[in-house]
Structure formats: C-alpha cells, structure tokens
C-alpha atoms as a PDB file:
ATOM      1  CA  UNK A   1      -0.012   0.144  -0.043  1.00  0.00           C
ATOM      2  CA  UNK A   2       1.155   3.560  -0.669  1.00  0.00           C
ATOM      3  CA  UNK A   3       2.709   5.247   2.386  1.00  0.00           C
ATOM      4  CA  UNK A   4       1.868   8.884   3.519  1.00  0.00           C
ATOM      5  CA  UNK A   5       3.421  11.585   1.493  1.00  0.00           C
ATOM      6  CA  UNK A   6       3.091   9.929  -1.997  1.00  0.00           C
ATOM      7  CA  UNK A   7       0.772  10.128  -4.760  1.00  0.00           C
ATOM      8  CA  UNK A   8      -0.471   7.775  -7.465  1.00  0.00           C
ATOM      9  CA  UNK A   9      -0.386   8.923 -11.023  1.00  0.00           C
ATOM     10  CA  UNK A  10      -1.244   6.529 -13.877  1.00  0.00           C
ATOM     11  CA  UNK A  11      -1.001   3.468 -11.599  1.00  0.00           C
ATOM     12  CA  UNK A  12       2.502   4.425 -10.503  1.00  0.00           C
ATOM     13  CA  UNK A  13       3.376   5.612  -7.138  1.00  0.00           C
ATOM     14  CA  UNK A  14       5.625   8.717  -6.450  1.00  0.00           C
ATOM     15  CA  UNK A  15       7.056   9.139  -3.018  1.00  0.00           C
ATOM     16  CA  UNK A  16       7.873  12.534  -1.487  1.00  0.00           C
ATOM     17  CA  UNK A  17      11.451  11.679  -1.515  1.00  0.00           C
ATOM     18  CA  UNK A  18      11.601  11.243  -5.218  1.00  0.00           C
ATOM     19  CA  UNK A  19       9.875  14.456  -5.815  1.00  0.00           C
ATOM     20  CA  UNK A  20      12.227  16.260  -3.703  1.00  0.00           C
ATOM     21  CA  UNK A  21      15.351  15.130  -5.478  1.00  0.00           C
ATOM     22  CA  UNK A  22      17.424  18.348  -6.110  1.00  0.00           C
ATOM     23  CA  UNK A  23      20.082  19.418  -8.411  1.00  0.00           C
ATOM     24  CA  UNK A  24      21.581  22.835  -7.322  1.00  0.00           C
ATOM     25  CA  UNK A  25      18.526  23.567  -5.468  1.00  0.00           C
ATOM     26  CA  UNK A  26      16.188  23.079  -8.433  1.00  0.00           C
ATOM     27  CA  UNK A  27      14.254  19.847  -9.462  1.00  0.00           C
ATOM     28  CA  UNK A  28      15.626  18.145 -12.592  1.00  0.00           C
ATOM     29  CA  UNK A  29      14.136  19.587 -15.710  1.00  0.00           C
ATOM     30  CA  UNK A  30      12.945  17.371 -18.303  1.00  0.00           C
ATOM     31  CA  UNK A  31      13.810  17.568 -22.087  1.00  0.00           C
ATOM     32  CA  UNK A  32      11.139  19.395 -24.006  1.00  0.00           C
ATOM     33  CA  UNK A  33       9.033  17.437 -26.476  1.00  0.00           C
ATOM     34  CA  UNK A  34       6.901  18.807 -29.124  1.00  0.00           C
ATOM     35  CA  UNK A  35       4.892  22.074 -28.760  1.00  0.00           C
ATOM     36  CA  UNK A  36       1.619  21.622 -27.037  1.00  0.00           C
ATOM     37  CA  UNK A  37       0.349  25.114 -26.627  1.00  0.00           C
ATOM     38  CA  UNK A  38       1.652  28.339 -28.391  1.00  0.00           C
ATOM     39  CA  UNK A  39       0.322  31.706 -28.705  1.00  0.00           C
ATOM     40  CA  UNK A  40       0.984  34.244 -31.614  1.00  0.00           C
ATOM     41  CA  UNK A  41       0.888  37.977 -30.692  1.00  0.00           C
ATOM     42  CA  UNK A  42      -1.990  37.237 -28.169  1.00  0.00           C
ATOM     43  CA  UNK A  43      -3.648  40.502 -27.241  1.00  0.00           C
ATOM     44  CA  UNK A  44      -6.587  41.437 -24.935  1.00  0.00           C
ATOM     45  CA  UNK A  45      -7.626  45.104 -24.583  1.00  0.00           C
ATOM     46  CA  UNK A  46     -10.113  46.578 -22.240  1.00  0.00           C
ATOM     47  CA  UNK A  47     -10.499  49.990 -23.850  1.00  0.00           C
ATOM     48  CA  UNK A  48      -7.207  51.667 -23.772  1.00  0.00           C
ATOM     49  CA  UNK A  49      -5.800  49.193 -21.230  1.00  0.00           C
ATOM     50  CA  UNK A  50      -3.822  46.453 -22.823  1.00  0.00           C
ATOM     51  CA  UNK A  51      -4.117  43.593 -20.333  1.00  0.00           C
ATOM     52  CA  UNK A  52      -2.231  41.057 -22.692  1.00  0.00           C
ATOM     53  CA  UNK A  53      -0.121  42.768 -25.197  1.00  0.00           C
ATOM     54  CA  UNK A  54       1.137  40.608 -28.105  1.00  0.00           C
ATOM     55  CA  UNK A  55       2.340  37.641 -25.999  1.00  0.00           C
ATOM     56  CA  UNK A  56       4.064  34.791 -27.644  1.00  0.00           C
ATOM     57  CA  UNK A  57       4.893  31.669 -25.751  1.00  0.00           C
ATOM     58  CA  UNK A  58       5.458  27.970 -26.593  1.00  0.00           C
ATOM     59  CA  UNK A  59       4.805  25.235 -24.003  1.00  0.00           C
ATOM     60  CA  UNK A  60       6.121  21.815 -24.806  1.00  0.00           C
ATOM     61  CA  UNK A  61       4.452  18.587 -24.032  1.00  0.00           C
ATOM     62  CA  UNK A  62       5.485  17.338 -20.511  1.00  0.00           C
ATOM     63  CA  UNK A  63       6.625  20.765 -19.458  1.00  0.00           C
ATOM     64  CA  UNK A  64       5.981  22.486 -16.062  1.00  0.00           C
ATOM     65  CA  UNK A  65       5.788  26.189 -16.748  1.00  0.00           C
ATOM     66  CA  UNK A  66       5.196  28.920 -14.270  1.00  0.00           C
ATOM     67  CA  UNK A  67       3.817  32.373 -15.251  1.00  0.00           C
ATOM     68  CA  UNK A  68       5.019  35.026 -12.805  1.00  0.00           C
ATOM     69  CA  UNK A  69       4.856  38.802 -12.561  1.00  0.00           C
ATOM     70  CA  UNK A  70       3.426  41.620 -10.364  1.00  0.00           C
ATOM     71  CA  UNK A  71      -0.164  42.407  -9.812  1.00  0.00           C
ATOM     72  CA  UNK A  72      -1.720  43.559 -12.946  1.00  0.00           C
ATOM     73  CA  UNK A  73       0.863  41.976 -15.363  1.00  0.00           C
ATOM     74  CA  UNK A  74      -1.816  40.017 -17.207  1.00  0.00           C
ATOM     75  CA  UNK A  75      -1.317  36.592 -15.793  1.00  0.00           C
ATOM     76  CA  UNK A  76      -4.997  35.867 -14.969  1.00  0.00           C
ATOM     77  CA  UNK A  77      -6.124  37.337 -18.239  1.00  0.00           C
ATOM     78  CA  UNK A  78      -3.588  35.142 -20.019  1.00  0.00           C
ATOM     79  CA  UNK A  79      -5.094  32.087 -18.470  1.00  0.00           C
ATOM     80  CA  UNK A  80      -8.646  33.171 -19.128  1.00  0.00           C
ATOM     81  CA  UNK A  81      -7.741  33.486 -22.789  1.00  0.00           C
ATOM     82  CA  UNK A  82      -6.262  29.996 -23.082  1.00  0.00           C
ATOM     83  CA  UNK A  83      -9.060  28.261 -21.230  1.00  0.00           C
ATOM     84  CA  UNK A  84     -11.730  30.090 -23.331  1.00  0.00           C
ATOM     85  CA  UNK A  85     -13.243  32.031 -20.657  1.00  0.00           C
ATOM     86  CA  UNK A  86     -12.366  35.263 -22.655  1.00  0.00           C
ATOM     87  CA  UNK A  87     -12.047  35.952 -26.363  1.00  0.00           C
ATOM     88  CA  UNK A  88      -8.811  37.752 -27.486  1.00  0.00           C
ATOM     89  CA  UNK A  89      -8.903  41.063 -29.058  1.00  0.00           C
ATOM     90  CA  UNK A  90      -6.340  39.874 -31.647  1.00  0.00           C
ATOM     91  CA  UNK A  91      -3.771  37.101 -32.130  1.00  0.00           C
ATOM     92  CA  UNK A  92      -4.080  33.357 -32.012  1.00  0.00           C
ATOM     93  CA  UNK A  93      -4.028  30.303 -29.676  1.00  0.00           C
ATOM     94  CA  UNK A  94      -2.754  26.987 -30.890  1.00  0.00           C
ATOM     95  CA  UNK A  95      -3.294  23.765 -28.911  1.00  0.00           C
ATOM     96  CA  UNK A  96      -2.038  20.545 -29.996  1.00  0.00           C
ATOM     97  CA  UNK A  97      -1.688  21.899 -33.538  1.00  0.00           C
ATOM     98  CA  UNK A  98      -5.262  23.114 -33.615  1.00  0.00           C
ATOM     99  CA  UNK A  99      -6.254  26.744 -33.655  1.00  0.00           C
ATOM    100  CA  UNK A 100      -8.632  27.185 -30.666  1.00  0.00           C
ATOM    101  CA  UNK A 101      -8.822  31.031 -30.761  1.00  0.00           C
ATOM    102  CA  UNK A 102     -12.291  32.239 -29.545  1.00  0.00           C
ATOM    103  CA  UNK A 103     -13.578  28.794 -28.988  1.00  0.00           C
ATOM    104  CA  UNK A 104     -16.169  28.585 -25.987  1.00  0.00           C
ATOM    105  CA  UNK A 105     -14.905  27.271 -22.494  1.00  0.00           C
ATOM    106  CA  UNK A 106     -16.669  24.017 -22.679  1.00  0.00           C
ATOM    107  CA  UNK A 107     -15.173  23.112 -26.101  1.00  0.00           C
ATOM    108  CA  UNK A 108     -11.776  23.970 -24.975  1.00  0.00           C
ATOM    109  CA  UNK A 109     -12.313  21.730 -21.928  1.00  0.00           C
ATOM    110  CA  UNK A 110     -13.357  18.800 -24.104  1.00  0.00           C
ATOM    111  CA  UNK A 111     -10.150  19.280 -26.174  1.00  0.00           C
ATOM    112  CA  UNK A 112      -8.058  18.664 -22.985  1.00  0.00           C
ATOM    113  CA  UNK A 113      -7.522  21.890 -21.205  1.00  0.00           C
ATOM    114  CA  UNK A 114      -8.688  21.983 -17.521  1.00  0.00           C
ATOM    115  CA  UNK A 115      -8.365  24.869 -15.056  1.00  0.00           C
ATOM    116  CA  UNK A 116      -8.396  25.133 -11.253  1.00  0.00           C
ATOM    117  CA  UNK A 117      -9.347  28.621 -10.132  1.00  0.00           C
ATOM    118  CA  UNK A 118      -7.656  31.208  -7.822  1.00  0.00           C
ATOM    119  CA  UNK A 119     -10.824  31.211  -5.531  1.00  0.00           C
ATOM    120  CA  UNK A 120     -11.599  27.828  -4.353  1.00  0.00           C
ATOM    121  CA  UNK A 121     -14.657  26.536  -6.397  1.00  0.00           C
ATOM    122  CA  UNK A 122     -16.247  23.227  -4.982  1.00  0.00           C
ATOM    123  CA  UNK A 123     -19.684  22.019  -4.007  1.00  0.00           C
ATOM    124  CA  UNK A 124     -19.559  22.681  -0.193  1.00  0.00           C
ATOM    125  CA  UNK A 125     -22.612  20.634   0.691  1.00  0.00           C
ATOM    126  CA  UNK A 126     -21.678  17.567  -1.333  1.00  0.00           C
ATOM    127  CA  UNK A 127     -19.255  15.024  -0.112  1.00  0.00           C
ATOM    128  CA  UNK A 128     -15.744  15.023  -1.209  1.00  0.00           C
ATOM    129  CA  UNK A 129     -16.363  11.871  -3.263  1.00  0.00           C
ATOM    130  CA  UNK A 130     -19.488  13.328  -4.846  1.00  0.00           C
ATOM    131  CA  UNK A 131     -17.695  16.367  -5.975  1.00  0.00           C
ATOM    132  CA  UNK A 132     -15.218  14.496  -7.955  1.00  0.00           C
ATOM    133  CA  UNK A 133     -17.862  11.893  -9.061  1.00  0.00           C
ATOM    134  CA  UNK A 134     -20.019  14.626 -10.615  1.00  0.00           C
ATOM    135  CA  UNK A 135     -16.966  15.914 -12.581  1.00  0.00           C
ATOM    136  CA  UNK A 136     -15.889  12.338 -13.586  1.00  0.00           C
ATOM    137  CA  UNK A 137     -19.334  11.564 -14.835  1.00  0.00           C
ATOM    138  CA  UNK A 138     -18.872  14.239 -17.524  1.00  0.00           C
ATOM    139  CA  UNK A 139     -20.661  14.839 -20.729  1.00  0.00           C
ATOM    140  CA  UNK A 140     -20.721  11.232 -21.854  1.00  0.00           C
ATOM    141  CA  UNK A 141     -23.146  10.388 -18.951  1.00  0.00           C
ATOM    142  CA  UNK A 142     -24.977  13.708 -18.841  1.00  0.00           C
ATOM    143  CA  UNK A 143     -28.034  12.354 -20.537  1.00  0.00           C
ATOM    144  CA  UNK A 144     -28.138   8.895 -18.816  1.00  0.00           C
ATOM    145  CA  UNK A 145     -31.407   9.304 -17.233  1.00  0.00           C
ATOM    146  CA  UNK A 146     -31.936   5.483 -16.575  1.00  0.00           C
ATOM    147  CA  UNK A 147     -29.093   4.860 -14.094  1.00  0.00           C
ATOM    148  CA  UNK A 148     -28.676   6.312 -10.620  1.00  0.00           C
ATOM    149  CA  UNK A 149     -25.375   8.235 -10.451  1.00  0.00           C
ATOM    150  CA  UNK A 150     -24.163   6.184  -7.516  1.00  0.00           C
ATOM    151  CA  UNK A 151     -24.665   2.956  -9.528  1.00  0.00           C
ATOM    152  CA  UNK A 152     -22.275   3.967 -12.273  1.00  0.00           C
ATOM    153  CA  UNK A 153     -19.392   1.824 -10.898  1.00  0.00           C
ATOM    154  CA  UNK A 154     -16.687   2.977 -13.435  1.00  0.00           C
ATOM    155  CA  UNK A 155     -17.476   6.444 -12.483  1.00  0.00           C
ATOM    156  CA  UNK A 156     -17.358   5.821  -8.817  1.00  0.00           C
ATOM    157  CA  UNK A 157     -14.042   3.972  -9.031  1.00  0.00           C
ATOM    158  CA  UNK A 158     -12.580   6.836 -11.136  1.00  0.00           C
ATOM    159  CA  UNK A 159     -13.563   9.392  -8.418  1.00  0.00           C
ATOM    160  CA  UNK A 160     -11.987   7.034  -5.750  1.00  0.00           C
ATOM    161  CA  UNK A 161      -8.712   6.937  -7.888  1.00  0.00           C
ATOM    162  CA  UNK A 162      -8.650  10.652  -8.286  1.00  0.00           C
ATOM    163  CA  UNK A 163      -9.061  11.202  -4.595  1.00  0.00           C
ATOM    164  CA  UNK A 164      -6.117   9.037  -3.891  1.00  0.00           C
ATOM    165  CA  UNK A 165      -4.111  10.918  -6.377  1.00  0.00           C
ATOM    166  CA  UNK A 166      -4.725  14.185  -4.537  1.00  0.00           C
ATOM    167  CA  UNK A 167      -4.423  12.597  -1.060  1.00  0.00           C
ATOM    168  CA  UNK A 168      -8.170  12.831  -0.072  1.00  0.00           C
ATOM    169  CA  UNK A 169      -9.049   9.150  -0.292  1.00  0.00           C
ATOM    170  CA  UNK A 170      -9.541   8.932   3.516  1.00  0.00           C
ATOM    171  CA  UNK A 171     -12.005  11.953   3.327  1.00  0.00           C
ATOM    172  CA  UNK A 172     -14.272  10.913   0.685  1.00  0.00           C
ATOM    173  CA  UNK A 173     -17.434  10.801   2.883  1.00  0.00           C
ATOM    174  CA  UNK A 174     -16.785  14.172   4.441  1.00  0.00           C
ATOM    175  CA  UNK A 175     -18.741  17.172   3.439  1.00  0.00           C
ATOM    176  CA  UNK A 176     -16.394  19.498   1.261  1.00  0.00           C
ATOM    177  CA  UNK A 177     -17.395  22.304   3.410  1.00  0.00           C
ATOM    178  CA  UNK A 178     -15.571  20.674   6.278  1.00  0.00           C
ATOM    179  CA  UNK A 179     -12.195  20.394   4.539  1.00  0.00           C
ATOM    180  CA  UNK A 180      -9.261  22.666   5.490  1.00  0.00           C
ATOM    181  CA  UNK A 181      -8.372  25.360   2.912  1.00  0.00           C
ATOM    182  CA  UNK A 182      -5.525  23.297   1.622  1.00  0.00           C
ATOM    183  CA  UNK A 183      -7.671  20.112   1.262  1.00  0.00           C
ATOM    184  CA  UNK A 184     -10.230  22.234  -0.702  1.00  0.00           C
ATOM    185  CA  UNK A 185      -7.522  23.303  -2.983  1.00  0.00           C
ATOM    186  CA  UNK A 186      -6.399  19.566  -3.559  1.00  0.00           C
ATOM    187  CA  UNK A 187     -10.091  18.747  -4.183  1.00  0.00           C
ATOM    188  CA  UNK A 188     -10.388  21.300  -6.876  1.00  0.00           C
ATOM    189  CA  UNK A 189      -7.304  19.876  -8.502  1.00  0.00           C
ATOM    190  CA  UNK A 190      -8.937  16.358  -8.263  1.00  0.00           C
ATOM    191  CA  UNK A 191     -12.126  17.781  -9.938  1.00  0.00           C
ATOM    192  CA  UNK A 192      -9.979  19.426 -12.691  1.00  0.00           C
ATOM    193  CA  UNK A 193      -8.294  16.009 -13.265  1.00  0.00           C
ATOM    194  CA  UNK A 194     -11.555  14.267 -13.781  1.00  0.00           C
ATOM    195  CA  UNK A 195     -11.654  15.119 -17.478  1.00  0.00           C
ATOM    196  CA  UNK A 196      -8.134  13.625 -17.953  1.00  0.00           C
ATOM    197  CA  UNK A 197      -6.698  16.751 -19.293  1.00  0.00           C
ATOM    198  CA  UNK A 198      -3.438  16.839 -21.250  1.00  0.00           C
ATOM    199  CA  UNK A 199      -2.983  20.505 -20.264  1.00  0.00           C
ATOM    200  CA  UNK A 200      -3.678  21.589 -16.530  1.00  0.00           C
ATOM    201  CA  UNK A 201      -3.906  25.200 -15.713  1.00  0.00           C
ATOM    202  CA  UNK A 202      -3.344  26.026 -11.938  1.00  0.00           C
ATOM    203  CA  UNK A 203      -4.115  29.606 -10.834  1.00  0.00           C
ATOM    204  CA  UNK A 204      -2.282  30.314  -7.700  1.00  0.00           C
ATOM    205  CA  UNK A 205      -2.615  26.784  -6.254  1.00  0.00           C
ATOM    206  CA  UNK A 206      -0.892  27.609  -3.078  1.00  0.00           C
ATOM    207  CA  UNK A 207      -2.639  30.832  -2.144  1.00  0.00           C
ATOM    208  CA  UNK A 208      -3.581  31.226   1.531  1.00  0.00           C
ATOM    209  CA  UNK A 209      -1.721  27.886   2.459  1.00  0.00           C
ATOM    210  CA  UNK A 210       0.444  27.292   5.473  1.00  0.00           C
ATOM    211  CA  UNK A 211       4.022  26.348   4.933  1.00  0.00           C
ATOM    212  CA  UNK A 212       3.347  22.642   5.421  1.00  0.00           C
ATOM    213  CA  UNK A 213       0.339  22.743   3.006  1.00  0.00           C
ATOM    214  CA  UNK A 214       2.354  24.597   0.433  1.00  0.00           C
ATOM    215  CA  UNK A 215       5.105  21.894   0.619  1.00  0.00           C
ATOM    216  CA  UNK A 216       2.630  19.116   0.087  1.00  0.00           C
ATOM    217  CA  UNK A 217       1.028  20.881  -2.730  1.00  0.00           C
ATOM    218  CA  UNK A 218       4.399  21.324  -4.434  1.00  0.00           C
ATOM    219  CA  UNK A 219       4.964  17.608  -4.253  1.00  0.00           C
ATOM    220  CA  UNK A 220       1.461  16.944  -5.802  1.00  0.00           C
ATOM    221  CA  UNK A 221       1.967  19.442  -8.612  1.00  0.00           C
ATOM    222  CA  UNK A 222       5.271  17.878  -9.592  1.00  0.00           C
ATOM    223  CA  UNK A 223       3.851  14.482  -9.518  1.00  0.00           C
ATOM    224  CA  UNK A 224       0.852  15.623 -11.658  1.00  0.00           C
ATOM    225  CA  UNK A 225       3.335  16.723 -14.250  1.00  0.00           C
ATOM    226  CA  UNK A 226       4.523  13.425 -14.875  1.00  0.00           C
ATOM    227  CA  UNK A 227       2.834  12.502 -18.122  1.00  0.00           C
ATOM    228  CA  UNK A 228       0.946  15.780 -18.224  1.00  0.00           C
ATOM    229  CA  UNK A 229       1.682  19.469 -19.088  1.00  0.00           C
ATOM    230  CA  UNK A 230       1.050  21.864 -16.382  1.00  0.00           C
ATOM    231  CA  UNK A 231       1.050  25.642 -16.445  1.00  0.00           C
ATOM    232  CA  UNK A 232       0.720  27.613 -13.041  1.00  0.00           C
ATOM    233  CA  UNK A 233       0.484  31.241 -11.978  1.00  0.00           C
ATOM    234  CA  UNK A 234       2.120  31.681  -8.673  1.00  0.00           C
ATOM    235  CA  UNK A 235       3.320  34.344  -6.387  1.00  0.00           C
ATOM    236  CA  UNK A 236       5.422  32.261  -4.033  1.00  0.00           C
ATOM    237  CA  UNK A 237       8.994  32.210  -5.392  1.00  0.00           C
ATOM    238  CA  UNK A 238      10.005  29.129  -3.311  1.00  0.00           C
ATOM    239  CA  UNK A 239       7.329  27.197  -5.288  1.00  0.00           C
ATOM    240  CA  UNK A 240       8.218  28.667  -8.705  1.00  0.00           C
ATOM    241  CA  UNK A 241      11.966  28.351  -8.417  1.00  0.00           C
ATOM    242  CA  UNK A 242      11.840  24.859  -6.871  1.00  0.00           C
ATOM    243  CA  UNK A 243       9.344  23.034  -9.219  1.00  0.00           C
ATOM    244  CA  UNK A 244       9.357  24.860 -12.564  1.00  0.00           C
ATOM    245  CA  UNK A 245      11.092  23.628 -15.837  1.00  0.00           C
ATOM    246  CA  UNK A 246      10.790  26.895 -17.346  1.00  0.00           C
ATOM    247  CA  UNK A 247       9.404  30.459 -16.125  1.00  0.00           C
ATOM    248  CA  UNK A 248       7.703  33.169 -18.138  1.00  0.00           C
ATOM    249  CA  UNK A 249       7.715  36.500 -16.647  1.00  0.00           C
ATOM    250  CA  UNK A 250       4.879  39.040 -17.603  1.00  0.00           C
ATOM    251  CA  UNK A 251       5.079  42.801 -16.953  1.00  0.00           C
ATOM    252  CA  UNK A 252       2.448  45.211 -17.993  1.00  0.00           C
ATOM    253  CA  UNK A 253       0.904  42.641 -20.326  1.00  0.00           C
ATOM    254  CA  UNK A 254       4.165  41.801 -22.295  1.00  0.00           C
ATOM    255  CA  UNK A 255       6.740  38.949 -21.785  1.00  0.00           C
ATOM    256  CA  UNK A 256       9.717  40.477 -19.868  1.00  0.00           C
ATOM    257  CA  UNK A 257      11.782  37.392 -19.763  1.00  0.00           C
ATOM    258  CA  UNK A 258      11.727  33.565 -20.160  1.00  0.00           C
ATOM    259  CA  UNK A 259      14.098  30.850 -19.080  1.00  0.00           C
ATOM    260  CA  UNK A 260      14.995  28.247 -16.505  1.00  0.00           C
ATOM    261  CA  UNK A 261      14.658  29.115 -12.715  1.00  0.00           C
ATOM    262  CA  UNK A 262      18.360  29.852 -12.552  1.00  0.00           C
ATOM    263  CA  UNK A 263      18.161  32.106 -15.604  1.00  0.00           C
ATOM    264  CA  UNK A 264      15.310  34.052 -14.366  1.00  0.00           C
ATOM    265  CA  UNK A 265      16.860  34.266 -10.785  1.00  0.00           C
ATOM    266  CA  UNK A 266      20.036  35.948 -12.370  1.00  0.00           C
ATOM    267  CA  UNK A 267      18.071  38.172 -14.922  1.00  0.00           C
ATOM    268  CA  UNK A 268      18.952  41.921 -14.221  1.00  0.00           C
ATOM    269  CA  UNK A 269      15.597  43.078 -15.756  1.00  0.00           C
ATOM    270  CA  UNK A 270      13.548  40.518 -13.659  1.00  0.00           C
ATOM    271  CA  UNK A 271      15.513  41.511 -10.565  1.00  0.00           C
ATOM    272  CA  UNK A 272      14.699  45.184 -11.038  1.00  0.00           C
ATOM    273  CA  UNK A 273      11.189  44.796 -12.079  1.00  0.00           C
ATOM    274  CA  UNK A 274       9.806  41.967 -10.020  1.00  0.00           C
ATOM    275  CA  UNK A 275      11.997  39.697  -7.758  1.00  0.00           C
ATOM    276  CA  UNK A 276      13.748  42.599  -5.947  1.00  0.00           C
ATOM    277  CA  UNK A 277      10.435  44.206  -5.190  1.00  0.00           C
ATOM    278  CA  UNK A 278       8.977  41.183  -3.447  1.00  0.00           C
ATOM    279  CA  UNK A 279      11.981  40.369  -1.109  1.00  0.00           C
END
C-alpha cells in the first residue's frame, strides 16, 4: 500500500523523497518534447488598457511552466484566454496543432484543457467523493437518465482513484465544506483532473496555504506533471523556483523574460522589475 506523503499517477506511486530530488536547489528539468500550446501575438484590450499585449509563448508537452509577474501583469487574463473564458482582441492560440482561438470554454475543456481557479470552487454541501464523481461523470453520462449516479461503478471507481491521487481518499465521505483550505484546493485539482486533461492550468494553487500545505502541494503538482503538461500562475517564489522547468515573466501585459529558474533568478531586468520588489 502507498505510504503517507506519496501520490499515485497513472497507476505508479511517487514518493515525496523522489519528488524532492534536487540538483543545485532546483528539481531536474525534463527535456522538452513537441509544442503543445503556443500563442501568436496574443492580445486582450479593455478599452485603452492592454491587459495582454502581443504575448508569444510556446509550451512543450510534458513541461511544467510557471507564469509570474507583479499584480496587473496580465497573468490571470492570459489564463482566461487560453481556457476559453475570454476571447482575445487579436492574435491566435494553438493547442495540439489546432487553432482554438475564440472557442467557448466547454469546447476547449473537451479538447483537453482543464483549469483550477484562484478562488476555491467546490460544492460545499456535497461530499468530497460526490464532488469528484460529478466531474468524472462528464458529458458522456450527462443524458443517462436511466441509471442512478451512484450505481455508475466505473465513474465511482474513477472518483476514488482521483481522490487517492490528490491525497483525499480517506476523506471521501466528508462534506467538502468541512475540509481545510489546503484540502479544498487539492479537491479542486481532483475535480480538474476528472476530465483527464493533457494541459492543466493552476491559478495560484498555494494561495492562503500554510508552509506545510504549500510543501505538500508542491509535491503533488510535480507528480501531476509526470505525463501531463502543467502551467501555473504563482506568487510564491519558493514554489516557482523549485518545481518549474521554465518560467515566463509578464510585466504590463508583455513577456519580460523567459528561461530556466536559474536564468530568471539571475536576470537583471527581472530583478529590477519583480524579484527585488517582493523580497
């Protein structure tokens, strides 16, 4: 049986010790594969305000990319454009070699992009297991009027597996409202995973967490990135520098810099604009 501190991904168990393996203070970076997501001069204007200004990024399959920058840099708007919550003013978004620019959010989700939100978004009066089961039931069972939801054995089993993945298997019967803040964030990740996305967007996944919860979430995110592409917006530099393969820095809606954690840490423009201001 898996011991405490590990997670199960694709029927493989990853221990905390393995996830914390360091090289020069940064986790081993994986070699990039083919490009999964790219943007071309992606722009979103609100009147005269350019929230996202001609942003061009390329995210490779299997990469864990962090998006950082000061408040108002355009990080959340960039996420909303990718997920289909918002339509760009101009520019293009390509996902797995398909132009998804302007597609509605539910279509983007079915193509394999899932997002967890900055503000915890769960059903508080459903059990932890029911929260994930509803998400796992998905559109394929949305019009199955003849079977009771709790009798859909494959869906129930998948929900149980997802709860094990995010470390909540022992709390499946508990109301979501009774979880701690960190546990609710993990539950939301479990809900996002229910659609089996190839790209997972995490918006400030450690916001409001204690140091212990943050460390646990860091291990979970790194494990989830095994066999999956992850992009996260995050303000905690400990998290960003330790788990990222590459980092993109946004400033006033534009890409200020991009590179490995070490390259970003030593970038003079980033130091002056962002990192120096948050120390």
